[in-house]
């Protein structure tokens, strides 16, 4: 069989989706009108009718006897299979329900078999049904609802590409920061690639920051697997649970654990940043992102000073100017632009 071209394969996939959904209890009149509009195309109608005929043939397959079927007492006193064991009764309890569920699953499975012929499987499994790139500028945030029910929030200056395939969901965060709340789907793992690192989940909520000089992952709920350098097949994945995080050097793959209190995971989504005993050097780097200009700290020792406080993301300069009230430092405008934090004299 000749492999389906991309456009025709999409029509087959959509026909299978409509066919299965139409038999669910939540199918609505609006859904039916949408289907009829799609069927107005003769090619679509032909594909859908062919699929319907195949499904009708599948219904004729007798239901095999299941362990849950009740045997019938024969004349000689021996138990024999129930007369209806190879027939589909109108109502046969849990056994019938299980068989119906398996049979419904045959429709998309049959489509996959058709696509596998002639190399079509490779194309089908590697052709994204959803492909979108989203970017945000300085001072801009965005929120996205994805087709699988997942939700993504993007922070300032971020770039995210999203691609969904039949058996996997892939995203790539090339810059900035994103908070993911992933809809559970064990058949399609959800991954976030950033540089050489990868985060892999099934269903959870976590935050990824791809901002030099480090990549930071923090988990709010559920659990994720993090591969600091996915190029290394011998490297064990790090398992992070709620309240845990990791900081990764994107160049070397070196990593170190970081705390991830719930109040600090994706806190920027509420327009604020929470610092709890955070090194001044990290605070300066964070403020620089929101200011859009550099913030330097004089000396490594000064950068280790711990900072606690809350920043309004729309007014980072106000927090920066308040640092002398919290620490023995002074904050000045740098001659070359940006800000400079130095020891108080």
C-alpha atoms as a PDB file:
ATOM      1  CA  UNK A   1       0.000   0.000   0.000  1.00  0.00           C
ATOM      2  CA  UNK A   2       1.253   3.469  -0.832  1.00  0.00           C
ATOM      3  CA  UNK A   3       1.755   5.688   2.237  1.00  0.00           C
ATOM      4  CA  UNK A   4      -0.953   8.281   2.802  1.00  0.00           C
ATOM      5  CA  UNK A   5       0.027  11.801   1.960  1.00  0.00           C
ATOM      6  CA  UNK A   6      -0.050  14.213   4.943  1.00  0.00           C
ATOM      7  CA  UNK A   7      -3.309  15.908   3.972  1.00  0.00           C
ATOM      8  CA  UNK A   8      -5.162  12.632   3.398  1.00  0.00           C
ATOM      9  CA  UNK A   9      -3.813  11.087   6.590  1.00  0.00           C
ATOM     10  CA  UNK A  10      -5.168  14.036   8.570  1.00  0.00           C
ATOM     11  CA  UNK A  11      -8.604  13.419   7.052  1.00  0.00           C
ATOM     12  CA  UNK A  12      -8.457   9.758   8.120  1.00  0.00           C
ATOM     13  CA  UNK A  13      -7.408  10.746  11.638  1.00  0.00           C
ATOM     14  CA  UNK A  14     -10.253  13.236  11.903  1.00  0.00           C
ATOM     15  CA  UNK A  15     -12.763  10.690  10.599  1.00  0.00           C
ATOM     16  CA  UNK A  16     -11.672   8.235  13.305  1.00  0.00           C
ATOM     17  CA  UNK A  17     -11.939  10.941  15.967  1.00  0.00           C
ATOM     18  CA  UNK A  18     -15.465  11.865  14.872  1.00  0.00           C
ATOM     19  CA  UNK A  19     -16.514   8.223  14.671  1.00  0.00           C
ATOM     20  CA  UNK A  20     -15.424   7.448  18.234  1.00  0.00           C
ATOM     21  CA  UNK A  21     -16.672  10.722  19.754  1.00  0.00           C
ATOM     22  CA  UNK A  22     -20.087  10.361  18.102  1.00  0.00           C
ATOM     23  CA  UNK A  23     -20.757   7.298  20.231  1.00  0.00           C
ATOM     24  CA  UNK A  24     -19.961   9.010  23.519  1.00  0.00           C
ATOM     25  CA  UNK A  25     -22.713  10.242  25.847  1.00  0.00           C
ATOM     26  CA  UNK A  26     -21.559  13.862  25.677  1.00  0.00           C
ATOM     27  CA  UNK A  27     -21.966  14.192  21.883  1.00  0.00           C
ATOM     28  CA  UNK A  28     -24.086  17.313  21.266  1.00  0.00           C
ATOM     29  CA  UNK A  29     -26.171  18.826  18.504  1.00  0.00           C
ATOM     30  CA  UNK A  30     -23.376  21.281  17.906  1.00  0.00           C
ATOM     31  CA  UNK A  31     -20.968  18.367  17.430  1.00  0.00           C
ATOM     32  CA  UNK A  32     -23.352  16.791  14.913  1.00  0.00           C
ATOM     33  CA  UNK A  33     -23.568  20.033  12.918  1.00  0.00           C
ATOM     34  CA  UNK A  34     -19.775  20.265  12.918  1.00  0.00           C
ATOM     35  CA  UNK A  35     -19.569  16.699  11.601  1.00  0.00           C
ATOM     36  CA  UNK A  36     -22.160  17.350   8.884  1.00  0.00           C
ATOM     37  CA  UNK A  37     -20.229  20.415   7.739  1.00  0.00           C
ATOM     38  CA  UNK A  38     -17.063  18.326   7.518  1.00  0.00           C
ATOM     39  CA  UNK A  39     -18.922  15.600   5.598  1.00  0.00           C
ATOM     40  CA  UNK A  40     -20.046  18.126   2.978  1.00  0.00           C
ATOM     41  CA  UNK A  41     -16.647  17.483   1.379  1.00  0.00           C
ATOM     42  CA  UNK A  42     -17.064  14.345  -0.800  1.00  0.00           C
ATOM     43  CA  UNK A  43     -13.597  13.047   0.098  1.00  0.00           C
ATOM     44  CA  UNK A  44     -14.324  13.342   3.808  1.00  0.00           C
ATOM     45  CA  UNK A  45     -17.677  11.614   3.373  1.00  0.00           C
ATOM     46  CA  UNK A  46     -16.108   8.726   1.474  1.00  0.00           C
ATOM     47  CA  UNK A  47     -13.462   8.218   4.184  1.00  0.00           C
ATOM     48  CA  UNK A  48     -16.057   8.364   6.957  1.00  0.00           C
ATOM     49  CA  UNK A  49     -18.398   5.913   5.196  1.00  0.00           C
ATOM     50  CA  UNK A  50     -15.554   3.462   4.597  1.00  0.00           C
ATOM     51  CA  UNK A  51     -14.617   3.662   8.275  1.00  0.00           C
ATOM     52  CA  UNK A  52     -18.255   3.126   9.261  1.00  0.00           C
ATOM     53  CA  UNK A  53     -18.475   0.010   7.099  1.00  0.00           C
ATOM     54  CA  UNK A  54     -15.307  -1.416   8.676  1.00  0.00           C
ATOM     55  CA  UNK A  55     -16.675  -0.699  12.138  1.00  0.00           C
ATOM     56  CA  UNK A  56     -19.929  -2.446  11.201  1.00  0.00           C
ATOM     57  CA  UNK A  57     -17.926  -5.507  10.224  1.00  0.00           C
ATOM     58  CA  UNK A  58     -16.119  -5.371  13.543  1.00  0.00           C
ATOM     59  CA  UNK A  59     -19.465  -5.479  15.334  1.00  0.00           C
ATOM     60  CA  UNK A  60     -20.117  -8.870  13.772  1.00  0.00           C
ATOM     61  CA  UNK A  61     -17.088 -10.339  15.529  1.00  0.00           C
ATOM     62  CA  UNK A  62     -18.516 -12.594  18.269  1.00  0.00           C
ATOM     63  CA  UNK A  63     -17.588 -11.731  21.803  1.00  0.00           C
ATOM     64  CA  UNK A  64     -15.219 -14.352  23.206  1.00  0.00           C
ATOM     65  CA  UNK A  65     -16.094 -16.110  26.418  1.00  0.00           C
ATOM     66  CA  UNK A  66     -14.759 -14.219  29.426  1.00  0.00           C
ATOM     67  CA  UNK A  67     -13.846 -15.486  32.850  1.00  0.00           C
ATOM     68  CA  UNK A  68     -16.674 -13.397  34.261  1.00  0.00           C
ATOM     69  CA  UNK A  69     -19.323 -15.272  32.229  1.00  0.00           C
ATOM     70  CA  UNK A  70     -21.530 -17.490  34.380  1.00  0.00           C
ATOM     71  CA  UNK A  71     -21.467 -21.169  33.273  1.00  0.00           C
ATOM     72  CA  UNK A  72     -24.675 -23.087  32.643  1.00  0.00           C
ATOM     73  CA  UNK A  73     -25.438 -26.396  34.337  1.00  0.00           C
ATOM     74  CA  UNK A  74     -25.715 -29.074  31.637  1.00  0.00           C
ATOM     75  CA  UNK A  75     -28.059 -32.089  31.619  1.00  0.00           C
ATOM     76  CA  UNK A  76     -25.256 -34.404  32.682  1.00  0.00           C
ATOM     77  CA  UNK A  77     -24.404 -32.189  35.642  1.00  0.00           C
ATOM     78  CA  UNK A  78     -21.293 -30.710  34.042  1.00  0.00           C
ATOM     79  CA  UNK A  79     -20.835 -26.988  33.595  1.00  0.00           C
ATOM     80  CA  UNK A  80     -20.851 -25.721  30.021  1.00  0.00           C
ATOM     81  CA  UNK A  81     -20.289 -22.247  28.631  1.00  0.00           C
ATOM     82  CA  UNK A  82     -23.323 -19.999  28.611  1.00  0.00           C
ATOM     83  CA  UNK A  83     -25.241 -20.259  25.279  1.00  0.00           C
ATOM     84  CA  UNK A  84     -24.708 -16.539  24.731  1.00  0.00           C
ATOM     85  CA  UNK A  85     -20.963 -16.599  25.453  1.00  0.00           C
ATOM     86  CA  UNK A  86     -20.094 -16.188  21.783  1.00  0.00           C
ATOM     87  CA  UNK A  87     -22.900 -13.753  21.095  1.00  0.00           C
ATOM     88  CA  UNK A  88     -23.223 -10.149  22.228  1.00  0.00           C
ATOM     89  CA  UNK A  89     -26.288  -9.969  24.503  1.00  0.00           C
ATOM     90  CA  UNK A  90     -28.371  -6.828  24.844  1.00  0.00           C
ATOM     91  CA  UNK A  91     -27.189  -6.436  28.414  1.00  0.00           C
ATOM     92  CA  UNK A  92     -24.547  -8.688  29.875  1.00  0.00           C
ATOM     93  CA  UNK A  93     -23.182  -6.612  32.736  1.00  0.00           C
ATOM     94  CA  UNK A  94     -19.541  -5.826  33.206  1.00  0.00           C
ATOM     95  CA  UNK A  95     -18.355  -8.457  30.708  1.00  0.00           C
ATOM     96  CA  UNK A  96     -20.352  -6.864  27.882  1.00  0.00           C
ATOM     97  CA  UNK A  97     -19.233  -3.378  28.873  1.00  0.00           C
ATOM     98  CA  UNK A  98     -15.591  -4.431  28.790  1.00  0.00           C
ATOM     99  CA  UNK A  99     -16.022  -6.038  25.355  1.00  0.00           C
ATOM    100  CA  UNK A 100     -17.748  -2.935  23.998  1.00  0.00           C
ATOM    101  CA  UNK A 101     -14.911  -0.761  25.272  1.00  0.00           C
ATOM    102  CA  UNK A 102     -12.341  -3.003  23.595  1.00  0.00           C
ATOM    103  CA  UNK A 103     -14.294  -2.961  20.343  1.00  0.00           C
ATOM    104  CA  UNK A 104     -14.602   0.832  20.338  1.00  0.00           C
ATOM    105  CA  UNK A 105     -10.841   0.997  20.663  1.00  0.00           C
ATOM    106  CA  UNK A 106     -10.471  -1.079  17.477  1.00  0.00           C
ATOM    107  CA  UNK A 107     -11.493   1.850  15.267  1.00  0.00           C
ATOM    108  CA  UNK A 108      -8.476   4.117  15.876  1.00  0.00           C
ATOM    109  CA  UNK A 109      -6.320   0.998  16.144  1.00  0.00           C
ATOM    110  CA  UNK A 110      -7.463  -0.046  12.673  1.00  0.00           C
ATOM    111  CA  UNK A 111      -6.523   3.374  11.352  1.00  0.00           C
ATOM    112  CA  UNK A 112      -3.043   2.940  12.797  1.00  0.00           C
ATOM    113  CA  UNK A 113      -2.735  -0.452  11.063  1.00  0.00           C
ATOM    114  CA  UNK A 114      -3.663   1.108   7.732  1.00  0.00           C
ATOM    115  CA  UNK A 115      -1.114   3.856   8.207  1.00  0.00           C
ATOM    116  CA  UNK A 116       1.611   1.370   9.105  1.00  0.00           C
ATOM    117  CA  UNK A 117       1.489  -0.175   5.645  1.00  0.00           C
ATOM    118  CA  UNK A 118       4.208   0.961   3.260  1.00  0.00           C
ATOM    119  CA  UNK A 119       6.084   3.017   5.851  1.00  0.00           C
ATOM    120  CA  UNK A 120       3.079   5.159   6.725  1.00  0.00           C
ATOM    121  CA  UNK A 121       3.471   4.293  10.406  1.00  0.00           C
ATOM    122  CA  UNK A 122       6.720   6.224  10.681  1.00  0.00           C
ATOM    123  CA  UNK A 123       5.157   9.245   9.029  1.00  0.00           C
ATOM    124  CA  UNK A 124       1.980   9.051  11.126  1.00  0.00           C
ATOM    125  CA  UNK A 125       3.885   8.745  14.392  1.00  0.00           C
ATOM    126  CA  UNK A 126       6.173  11.660  13.535  1.00  0.00           C
ATOM    127  CA  UNK A 127       3.684  14.065  12.019  1.00  0.00           C
ATOM    128  CA  UNK A 128       2.530  16.696  14.525  1.00  0.00           C
ATOM    129  CA  UNK A 129      -1.223  17.125  14.698  1.00  0.00           C
ATOM    130  CA  UNK A 130      -0.668  20.365  16.636  1.00  0.00           C
ATOM    131  CA  UNK A 131       2.308  22.675  16.089  1.00  0.00           C
ATOM    132  CA  UNK A 132       2.508  26.148  17.590  1.00  0.00           C
ATOM    133  CA  UNK A 133       5.242  28.607  18.568  1.00  0.00           C
ATOM    134  CA  UNK A 134       4.496  31.288  21.163  1.00  0.00           C
ATOM    135  CA  UNK A 135       6.714  34.167  22.228  1.00  0.00           C
ATOM    136  CA  UNK A 136       6.366  36.979  24.731  1.00  0.00           C
ATOM    137  CA  UNK A 137       8.156  40.321  24.796  1.00  0.00           C
ATOM    138  CA  UNK A 138       9.437  42.439  27.679  1.00  0.00           C
ATOM    139  CA  UNK A 139       6.713  42.976  30.255  1.00  0.00           C
ATOM    140  CA  UNK A 140       4.358  40.545  28.484  1.00  0.00           C
ATOM    141  CA  UNK A 141       2.886  37.304  29.823  1.00  0.00           C
ATOM    142  CA  UNK A 142       0.577  34.850  28.062  1.00  0.00           C
ATOM    143  CA  UNK A 143      -1.571  31.885  29.038  1.00  0.00           C
ATOM    144  CA  UNK A 144      -2.456  29.004  26.727  1.00  0.00           C
ATOM    145  CA  UNK A 145      -5.001  26.191  26.895  1.00  0.00           C
ATOM    146  CA  UNK A 146      -3.681  23.263  24.871  1.00  0.00           C
ATOM    147  CA  UNK A 147      -5.801  20.728  22.924  1.00  0.00           C
ATOM    148  CA  UNK A 148      -5.070  17.928  25.410  1.00  0.00           C
ATOM    149  CA  UNK A 149      -6.419  19.923  28.367  1.00  0.00           C
ATOM    150  CA  UNK A 150      -2.993  21.080  29.572  1.00  0.00           C
ATOM    151  CA  UNK A 151      -2.342  24.713  30.503  1.00  0.00           C
ATOM    152  CA  UNK A 152       0.799  26.786  29.994  1.00  0.00           C
ATOM    153  CA  UNK A 153       1.673  30.256  31.289  1.00  0.00           C
ATOM    154  CA  UNK A 154       4.599  32.139  29.742  1.00  0.00           C
ATOM    155  CA  UNK A 155       6.604  34.778  31.573  1.00  0.00           C
ATOM    156  CA  UNK A 156       8.378  37.842  30.144  1.00  0.00           C
ATOM    157  CA  UNK A 157      10.726  37.328  27.185  1.00  0.00           C
ATOM    158  CA  UNK A 158       9.906  33.661  26.591  1.00  0.00           C
ATOM    159  CA  UNK A 159       9.784  31.435  23.522  1.00  0.00           C
ATOM    160  CA  UNK A 160       8.003  28.078  23.506  1.00  0.00           C
ATOM    161  CA  UNK A 161       7.293  25.629  20.693  1.00  0.00           C
ATOM    162  CA  UNK A 162       4.550  23.026  21.202  1.00  0.00           C
ATOM    163  CA  UNK A 163       4.150  19.904  19.074  1.00  0.00           C
ATOM    164  CA  UNK A 164       1.690  17.069  19.729  1.00  0.00           C
ATOM    165  CA  UNK A 165       2.177  13.693  18.040  1.00  0.00           C
ATOM    166  CA  UNK A 166       0.004  10.545  18.198  1.00  0.00           C
ATOM    167  CA  UNK A 167       2.150   8.999  20.947  1.00  0.00           C
ATOM    168  CA  UNK A 168       3.921  11.938  22.591  1.00  0.00           C
ATOM    169  CA  UNK A 169       3.617  15.604  23.493  1.00  0.00           C
ATOM    170  CA  UNK A 170       6.737  17.691  23.005  1.00  0.00           C
ATOM    171  CA  UNK A 171       7.551  21.273  23.926  1.00  0.00           C
ATOM    172  CA  UNK A 172      10.773  23.246  23.645  1.00  0.00           C
ATOM    173  CA  UNK A 173      11.486  26.246  25.853  1.00  0.00           C
ATOM    174  CA  UNK A 174      14.342  28.065  24.129  1.00  0.00           C
ATOM    175  CA  UNK A 175      14.209  31.192  26.305  1.00  0.00           C
ATOM    176  CA  UNK A 176      12.443  32.627  29.317  1.00  0.00           C
ATOM    177  CA  UNK A 177      10.173  30.886  31.789  1.00  0.00           C
ATOM    178  CA  UNK A 178       7.016  28.803  31.674  1.00  0.00           C
ATOM    179  CA  UNK A 179       4.638  27.186  34.135  1.00  0.00           C
ATOM    180  CA  UNK A 180       3.067  23.913  32.970  1.00  0.00           C
ATOM    181  CA  UNK A 181      -0.029  22.196  34.315  1.00  0.00           C
ATOM    182  CA  UNK A 182      -0.088  18.975  32.343  1.00  0.00           C
ATOM    183  CA  UNK A 183      -3.221  16.900  31.741  1.00  0.00           C
ATOM    184  CA  UNK A 184      -2.563  13.260  32.622  1.00  0.00           C
ATOM    185  CA  UNK A 185      -2.257  10.904  29.641  1.00  0.00           C
ATOM    186  CA  UNK A 186      -0.145   7.802  30.242  1.00  0.00           C
ATOM    187  CA  UNK A 187      -0.218   6.934  26.545  1.00  0.00           C
ATOM    188  CA  UNK A 188       1.374  10.261  25.571  1.00  0.00           C
ATOM    189  CA  UNK A 189       4.185  11.493  27.833  1.00  0.00           C
ATOM    190  CA  UNK A 190       4.741  15.252  27.974  1.00  0.00           C
ATOM    191  CA  UNK A 191       8.303  16.547  27.636  1.00  0.00           C
ATOM    192  CA  UNK A 192       9.923  19.966  27.935  1.00  0.00           C
ATOM    193  CA  UNK A 193      13.299  20.341  26.236  1.00  0.00           C
ATOM    194  CA  UNK A 194      15.578  23.262  27.018  1.00  0.00           C
ATOM    195  CA  UNK A 195      19.123  23.220  25.737  1.00  0.00           C
ATOM    196  CA  UNK A 196      20.492  19.728  26.398  1.00  0.00           C
ATOM    197  CA  UNK A 197      18.131  19.114  29.332  1.00  0.00           C
ATOM    198  CA  UNK A 198      14.741  17.454  29.310  1.00  0.00           C
ATOM    199  CA  UNK A 199      11.792  17.300  31.725  1.00  0.00           C
ATOM    200  CA  UNK A 200       9.402  14.354  31.275  1.00  0.00           C
ATOM    201  CA  UNK A 201       5.981  14.019  32.908  1.00  0.00           C
ATOM    202  CA  UNK A 202       2.591  12.372  32.558  1.00  0.00           C
ATOM    203  CA  UNK A 203       0.454  14.739  34.621  1.00  0.00           C
ATOM    204  CA  UNK A 204       1.680  17.357  37.069  1.00  0.00           C
ATOM    205  CA  UNK A 205       2.352  21.076  37.601  1.00  0.00           C
ATOM    206  CA  UNK A 206       5.850  22.539  37.458  1.00  0.00           C
ATOM    207  CA  UNK A 207       7.865  25.594  36.469  1.00  0.00           C
ATOM    208  CA  UNK A 208      10.830  25.733  34.090  1.00  0.00           C
ATOM    209  CA  UNK A 209      13.123  28.732  33.803  1.00  0.00           C
ATOM    210  CA  UNK A 210      15.543  28.759  30.880  1.00  0.00           C
ATOM    211  CA  UNK A 211      17.454  31.904  31.765  1.00  0.00           C
ATOM    212  CA  UNK A 212      21.252  32.105  31.676  1.00  0.00           C
ATOM    213  CA  UNK A 213      23.368  31.091  33.355  1.00  0.00           C
ATOM    214  CA  UNK A 214      21.246  28.187  34.628  1.00  0.00           C
ATOM    215  CA  UNK A 215      18.147  26.137  33.900  1.00  0.00           C
ATOM    216  CA  UNK A 216      15.862  25.761  36.922  1.00  0.00           C
ATOM    217  CA  UNK A 217      13.005  23.284  37.365  1.00  0.00           C
ATOM    218  CA  UNK A 218      10.632  23.461  40.340  1.00  0.00           C
ATOM    219  CA  UNK A 219       7.705  21.127  41.005  1.00  0.00           C
ATOM    220  CA  UNK A 220       4.430  22.331  42.498  1.00  0.00           C
ATOM    221  CA  UNK A 221       2.512  19.029  42.433  1.00  0.00           C
ATOM    222  CA  UNK A 222       2.961  15.508  41.125  1.00  0.00           C
ATOM    223  CA  UNK A 223       6.409  14.399  40.000  1.00  0.00           C
ATOM    224  CA  UNK A 224       8.714  14.838  37.038  1.00  0.00           C
ATOM    225  CA  UNK A 225      11.812  13.195  35.626  1.00  0.00           C
ATOM    226  CA  UNK A 226      14.665  15.532  34.718  1.00  0.00           C
ATOM    227  CA  UNK A 227      17.574  14.567  32.487  1.00  0.00           C
ATOM    228  CA  UNK A 228      20.284  17.226  32.947  1.00  0.00           C
ATOM    229  CA  UNK A 229      21.927  16.145  29.676  1.00  0.00           C
ATOM    230  CA  UNK A 230      19.689  13.978  27.507  1.00  0.00           C
ATOM    231  CA  UNK A 231      22.582  13.321  25.092  1.00  0.00           C
ATOM    232  CA  UNK A 232      24.118  11.003  27.689  1.00  0.00           C
ATOM    233  CA  UNK A 233      22.415   7.650  27.596  1.00  0.00           C
ATOM    234  CA  UNK A 234      24.168   6.492  30.760  1.00  0.00           C
ATOM    235  CA  UNK A 235      22.895   9.362  32.896  1.00  0.00           C
ATOM    236  CA  UNK A 236      20.145   8.495  35.351  1.00  0.00           C
ATOM    237  CA  UNK A 237      17.084  10.721  35.411  1.00  0.00           C
ATOM    238  CA  UNK A 238      16.453  12.828  38.506  1.00  0.00           C
ATOM    239  CA  UNK A 239      13.053  12.269  40.095  1.00  0.00           C
ATOM    240  CA  UNK A 240      11.533  15.438  41.533  1.00  0.00           C
ATOM    241  CA  UNK A 241       8.378  15.512  43.646  1.00  0.00           C
ATOM    242  CA  UNK A 242       6.308  18.415  44.963  1.00  0.00           C
ATOM    243  CA  UNK A 243       8.427  20.977  46.789  1.00  0.00           C
ATOM    244  CA  UNK A 244      11.639  19.859  45.088  1.00  0.00           C
ATOM    245  CA  UNK A 245      13.681  21.540  42.393  1.00  0.00           C
ATOM    246  CA  UNK A 246      16.967  21.377  40.540  1.00  0.00           C
ATOM    247  CA  UNK A 247      19.336  23.921  39.046  1.00  0.00           C
ATOM    248  CA  UNK A 248      21.320  22.812  35.972  1.00  0.00           C
ATOM    249  CA  UNK A 249      24.338  24.228  34.190  1.00  0.00           C
ATOM    250  CA  UNK A 250      23.240  23.936  30.540  1.00  0.00           C
ATOM    251  CA  UNK A 251      26.806  23.692  29.274  1.00  0.00           C
ATOM    252  CA  UNK A 252      28.131  20.939  31.530  1.00  0.00           C
ATOM    253  CA  UNK A 253      24.992  19.212  32.800  1.00  0.00           C
ATOM    254  CA  UNK A 254      26.155  19.717  36.387  1.00  0.00           C
ATOM    255  CA  UNK A 255      23.218  20.110  38.728  1.00  0.00           C
ATOM    256  CA  UNK A 256      22.309  20.874  42.322  1.00  0.00           C
ATOM    257  CA  UNK A 257      19.038  20.612  44.275  1.00  0.00           C
ATOM    258  CA  UNK A 258      17.042  23.726  45.141  1.00  0.00           C
ATOM    259  CA  UNK A 259      14.078  24.200  47.432  1.00  0.00           C
ATOM    260  CA  UNK A 260      10.709  24.792  45.787  1.00  0.00           C
ATOM    261  CA  UNK A 261       8.167  26.015  48.355  1.00  0.00           C
ATOM    262  CA  UNK A 262       4.667  26.143  46.900  1.00  0.00           C
ATOM    263  CA  UNK A 263       4.595  29.921  47.307  1.00  0.00           C
ATOM    264  CA  UNK A 264       7.596  30.263  44.998  1.00  0.00           C
ATOM    265  CA  UNK A 265       6.713  27.858  42.172  1.00  0.00           C
ATOM    266  CA  UNK A 266       5.328  29.964  39.360  1.00  0.00           C
ATOM    267  CA  UNK A 267       4.739  32.867  41.758  1.00  0.00           C
ATOM    268  CA  UNK A 268       5.264  35.303  38.871  1.00  0.00           C
ATOM    269  CA  UNK A 269       1.853  34.288  37.470  1.00  0.00           C
ATOM    270  CA  UNK A 270       0.253  36.381  40.213  1.00  0.00           C
ATOM    271  CA  UNK A 271       2.390  39.399  39.370  1.00  0.00           C
ATOM    272  CA  UNK A 272       4.822  38.925  42.226  1.00  0.00           C
ATOM    273  CA  UNK A 273       8.083  37.215  43.104  1.00  0.00           C
ATOM    274  CA  UNK A 274       8.772  35.782  46.541  1.00  0.00           C
ATOM    275  CA  UNK A 275      12.334  35.560  47.845  1.00  0.00           C
ATOM    276  CA  UNK A 276      13.061  33.463  50.922  1.00  0.00           C
ATOM    277  CA  UNK A 277      16.684  33.637  52.052  1.00  0.00           C
ATOM    278  CA  UNK A 278      17.712  33.897  48.401  1.00  0.00           C
ATOM    279  CA  UNK A 279      21.352  34.863  47.601  1.00  0.00           C
ATOM    280  CA  UNK A 280      21.643  38.497  46.534  1.00  0.00           C
ATOM    281  CA  UNK A 281      23.366  37.438  43.294  1.00  0.00           C
ATOM    282  CA  UNK A 282      20.282  35.411  42.328  1.00  0.00           C
ATOM    283  CA  UNK A 283      17.968  38.261  43.308  1.00  0.00           C
ATOM    284  CA  UNK A 284      19.977  40.650  41.133  1.00  0.00           C
ATOM    285  CA  UNK A 285      19.764  38.284  38.151  1.00  0.00           C
ATOM    286  CA  UNK A 286      16.004  37.953  38.635  1.00  0.00           C
ATOM    287  CA  UNK A 287      15.466  41.698  38.913  1.00  0.00           C
ATOM    288  CA  UNK A 288      17.533  42.245  35.768  1.00  0.00           C
ATOM    289  CA  UNK A 289      15.088  40.072  33.813  1.00  0.00           C
ATOM    290  CA  UNK A 290      12.136  42.214  34.822  1.00  0.00           C
ATOM    291  CA  UNK A 291      13.988  45.513  34.484  1.00  0.00           C
ATOM    292  CA  UNK A 292      15.314  44.645  31.050  1.00  0.00           C
ATOM    293  CA  UNK A 293      18.762  45.966  32.010  1.00  0.00           C
ATOM    294  CA  UNK A 294      21.773  44.575  33.897  1.00  0.00           C
ATOM    295  CA  UNK A 295      22.056  44.546  37.686  1.00  0.00           C
ATOM    296  CA  UNK A 296      25.604  43.848  38.888  1.00  0.00           C
ATOM    297  CA  UNK A 297      26.788  42.866  42.380  1.00  0.00           C
ATOM    298  CA  UNK A 298      30.277  43.869  43.528  1.00  0.00           C
ATOM    299  CA  UNK A 299      32.078  40.730  44.640  1.00  0.00           C
ATOM    300  CA  UNK A 300      31.156  37.092  45.281  1.00  0.00           C
ATOM    301  CA  UNK A 301      30.970  37.619  49.032  1.00  0.00           C
ATOM    302  CA  UNK A 302      28.350  40.330  48.685  1.00  0.00           C
ATOM    303  CA  UNK A 303      26.386  38.110  46.312  1.00  0.00           C
ATOM    304  CA  UNK A 304      25.967  35.491  49.047  1.00  0.00           C
ATOM    305  CA  UNK A 305      23.955  37.781  51.335  1.00  0.00           C
ATOM    306  CA  UNK A 306      20.477  36.329  51.925  1.00  0.00           C
ATOM    307  CA  UNK A 307      17.421  38.307  50.812  1.00  0.00           C
ATOM    308  CA  UNK A 308      13.790  37.809  51.836  1.00  0.00           C
ATOM    309  CA  UNK A 309      10.928  39.862  50.466  1.00  0.00           C
ATOM    310  CA  UNK A 310       8.290  40.208  47.759  1.00  0.00           C
ATOM    311  CA  UNK A 311       8.675  41.954  44.403  1.00  0.00           C
ATOM    312  CA  UNK A 312       5.855  43.294  42.248  1.00  0.00           C
ATOM    313  CA  UNK A 313       6.876  42.204  38.764  1.00  0.00           C
ATOM    314  CA  UNK A 314       5.586  45.423  37.196  1.00  0.00           C
ATOM    315  CA  UNK A 315       7.708  47.548  39.580  1.00  0.00           C
ATOM    316  CA  UNK A 316      11.045  45.753  40.078  1.00  0.00           C
ATOM    317  CA  UNK A 317      12.980  49.030  40.441  1.00  0.00           C
ATOM    318  CA  UNK A 318      11.078  49.830  43.635  1.00  0.00           C
ATOM    319  CA  UNK A 319      12.329  46.628  45.285  1.00  0.00           C
ATOM    320  CA  UNK A 320      15.836  47.218  44.002  1.00  0.00           C
ATOM    321  CA  UNK A 321      15.933  50.679  45.574  1.00  0.00           C
ATOM    322  CA  UNK A 322      14.683  49.239  48.884  1.00  0.00           C
ATOM    323  CA  UNK A 323      17.580  46.782  49.220  1.00  0.00           C
ATOM    324  CA  UNK A 324      19.614  49.196  51.430  1.00  0.00           C
ATOM    325  CA  UNK A 325      16.777  48.917  53.973  1.00  0.00           C
ATOM    326  CA  UNK A 326      17.248  45.154  54.071  1.00  0.00           C
ATOM    327  CA  UNK A 327      21.008  44.721  53.673  1.00  0.00           C
ATOM    328  CA  UNK A 328      24.248  46.666  54.249  1.00  0.00           C
ATOM    329  CA  UNK A 329      24.418  47.682  50.581  1.00  0.00           C
ATOM    330  CA  UNK A 330      23.977  50.690  48.368  1.00  0.00           C
ATOM    331  CA  UNK A 331      22.240  50.755  44.980  1.00  0.00           C
ATOM    332  CA  UNK A 332      23.352  53.152  42.263  1.00  0.00           C
ATOM    333  CA  UNK A 333      22.877  53.705  38.591  1.00  0.00           C
ATOM    334  CA  UNK A 334      25.896  52.329  36.724  1.00  0.00           C
ATOM    335  CA  UNK A 335      27.815  54.682  34.432  1.00  0.00           C
ATOM    336  CA  UNK A 336      27.574  52.214  31.543  1.00  0.00           C
ATOM    337  CA  UNK A 337      23.857  51.664  32.104  1.00  0.00           C
ATOM    338  CA  UNK A 338      21.888  49.397  34.381  1.00  0.00           C
ATOM    339  CA  UNK A 339      22.320  49.147  38.147  1.00  0.00           C
ATOM    340  CA  UNK A 340      25.134  48.421  40.562  1.00  0.00           C
ATOM    341  CA  UNK A 341      24.851  46.938  44.065  1.00  0.00           C
ATOM    342  CA  UNK A 342      27.932  47.604  46.231  1.00  0.00           C
ATOM    343  CA  UNK A 343      28.849  47.367  49.939  1.00  0.00           C
ATOM    344  CA  UNK A 344      27.677  50.219  52.106  1.00  0.00           C
ATOM    345  CA  UNK A 345      30.612  52.297  53.316  1.00  0.00           C
END
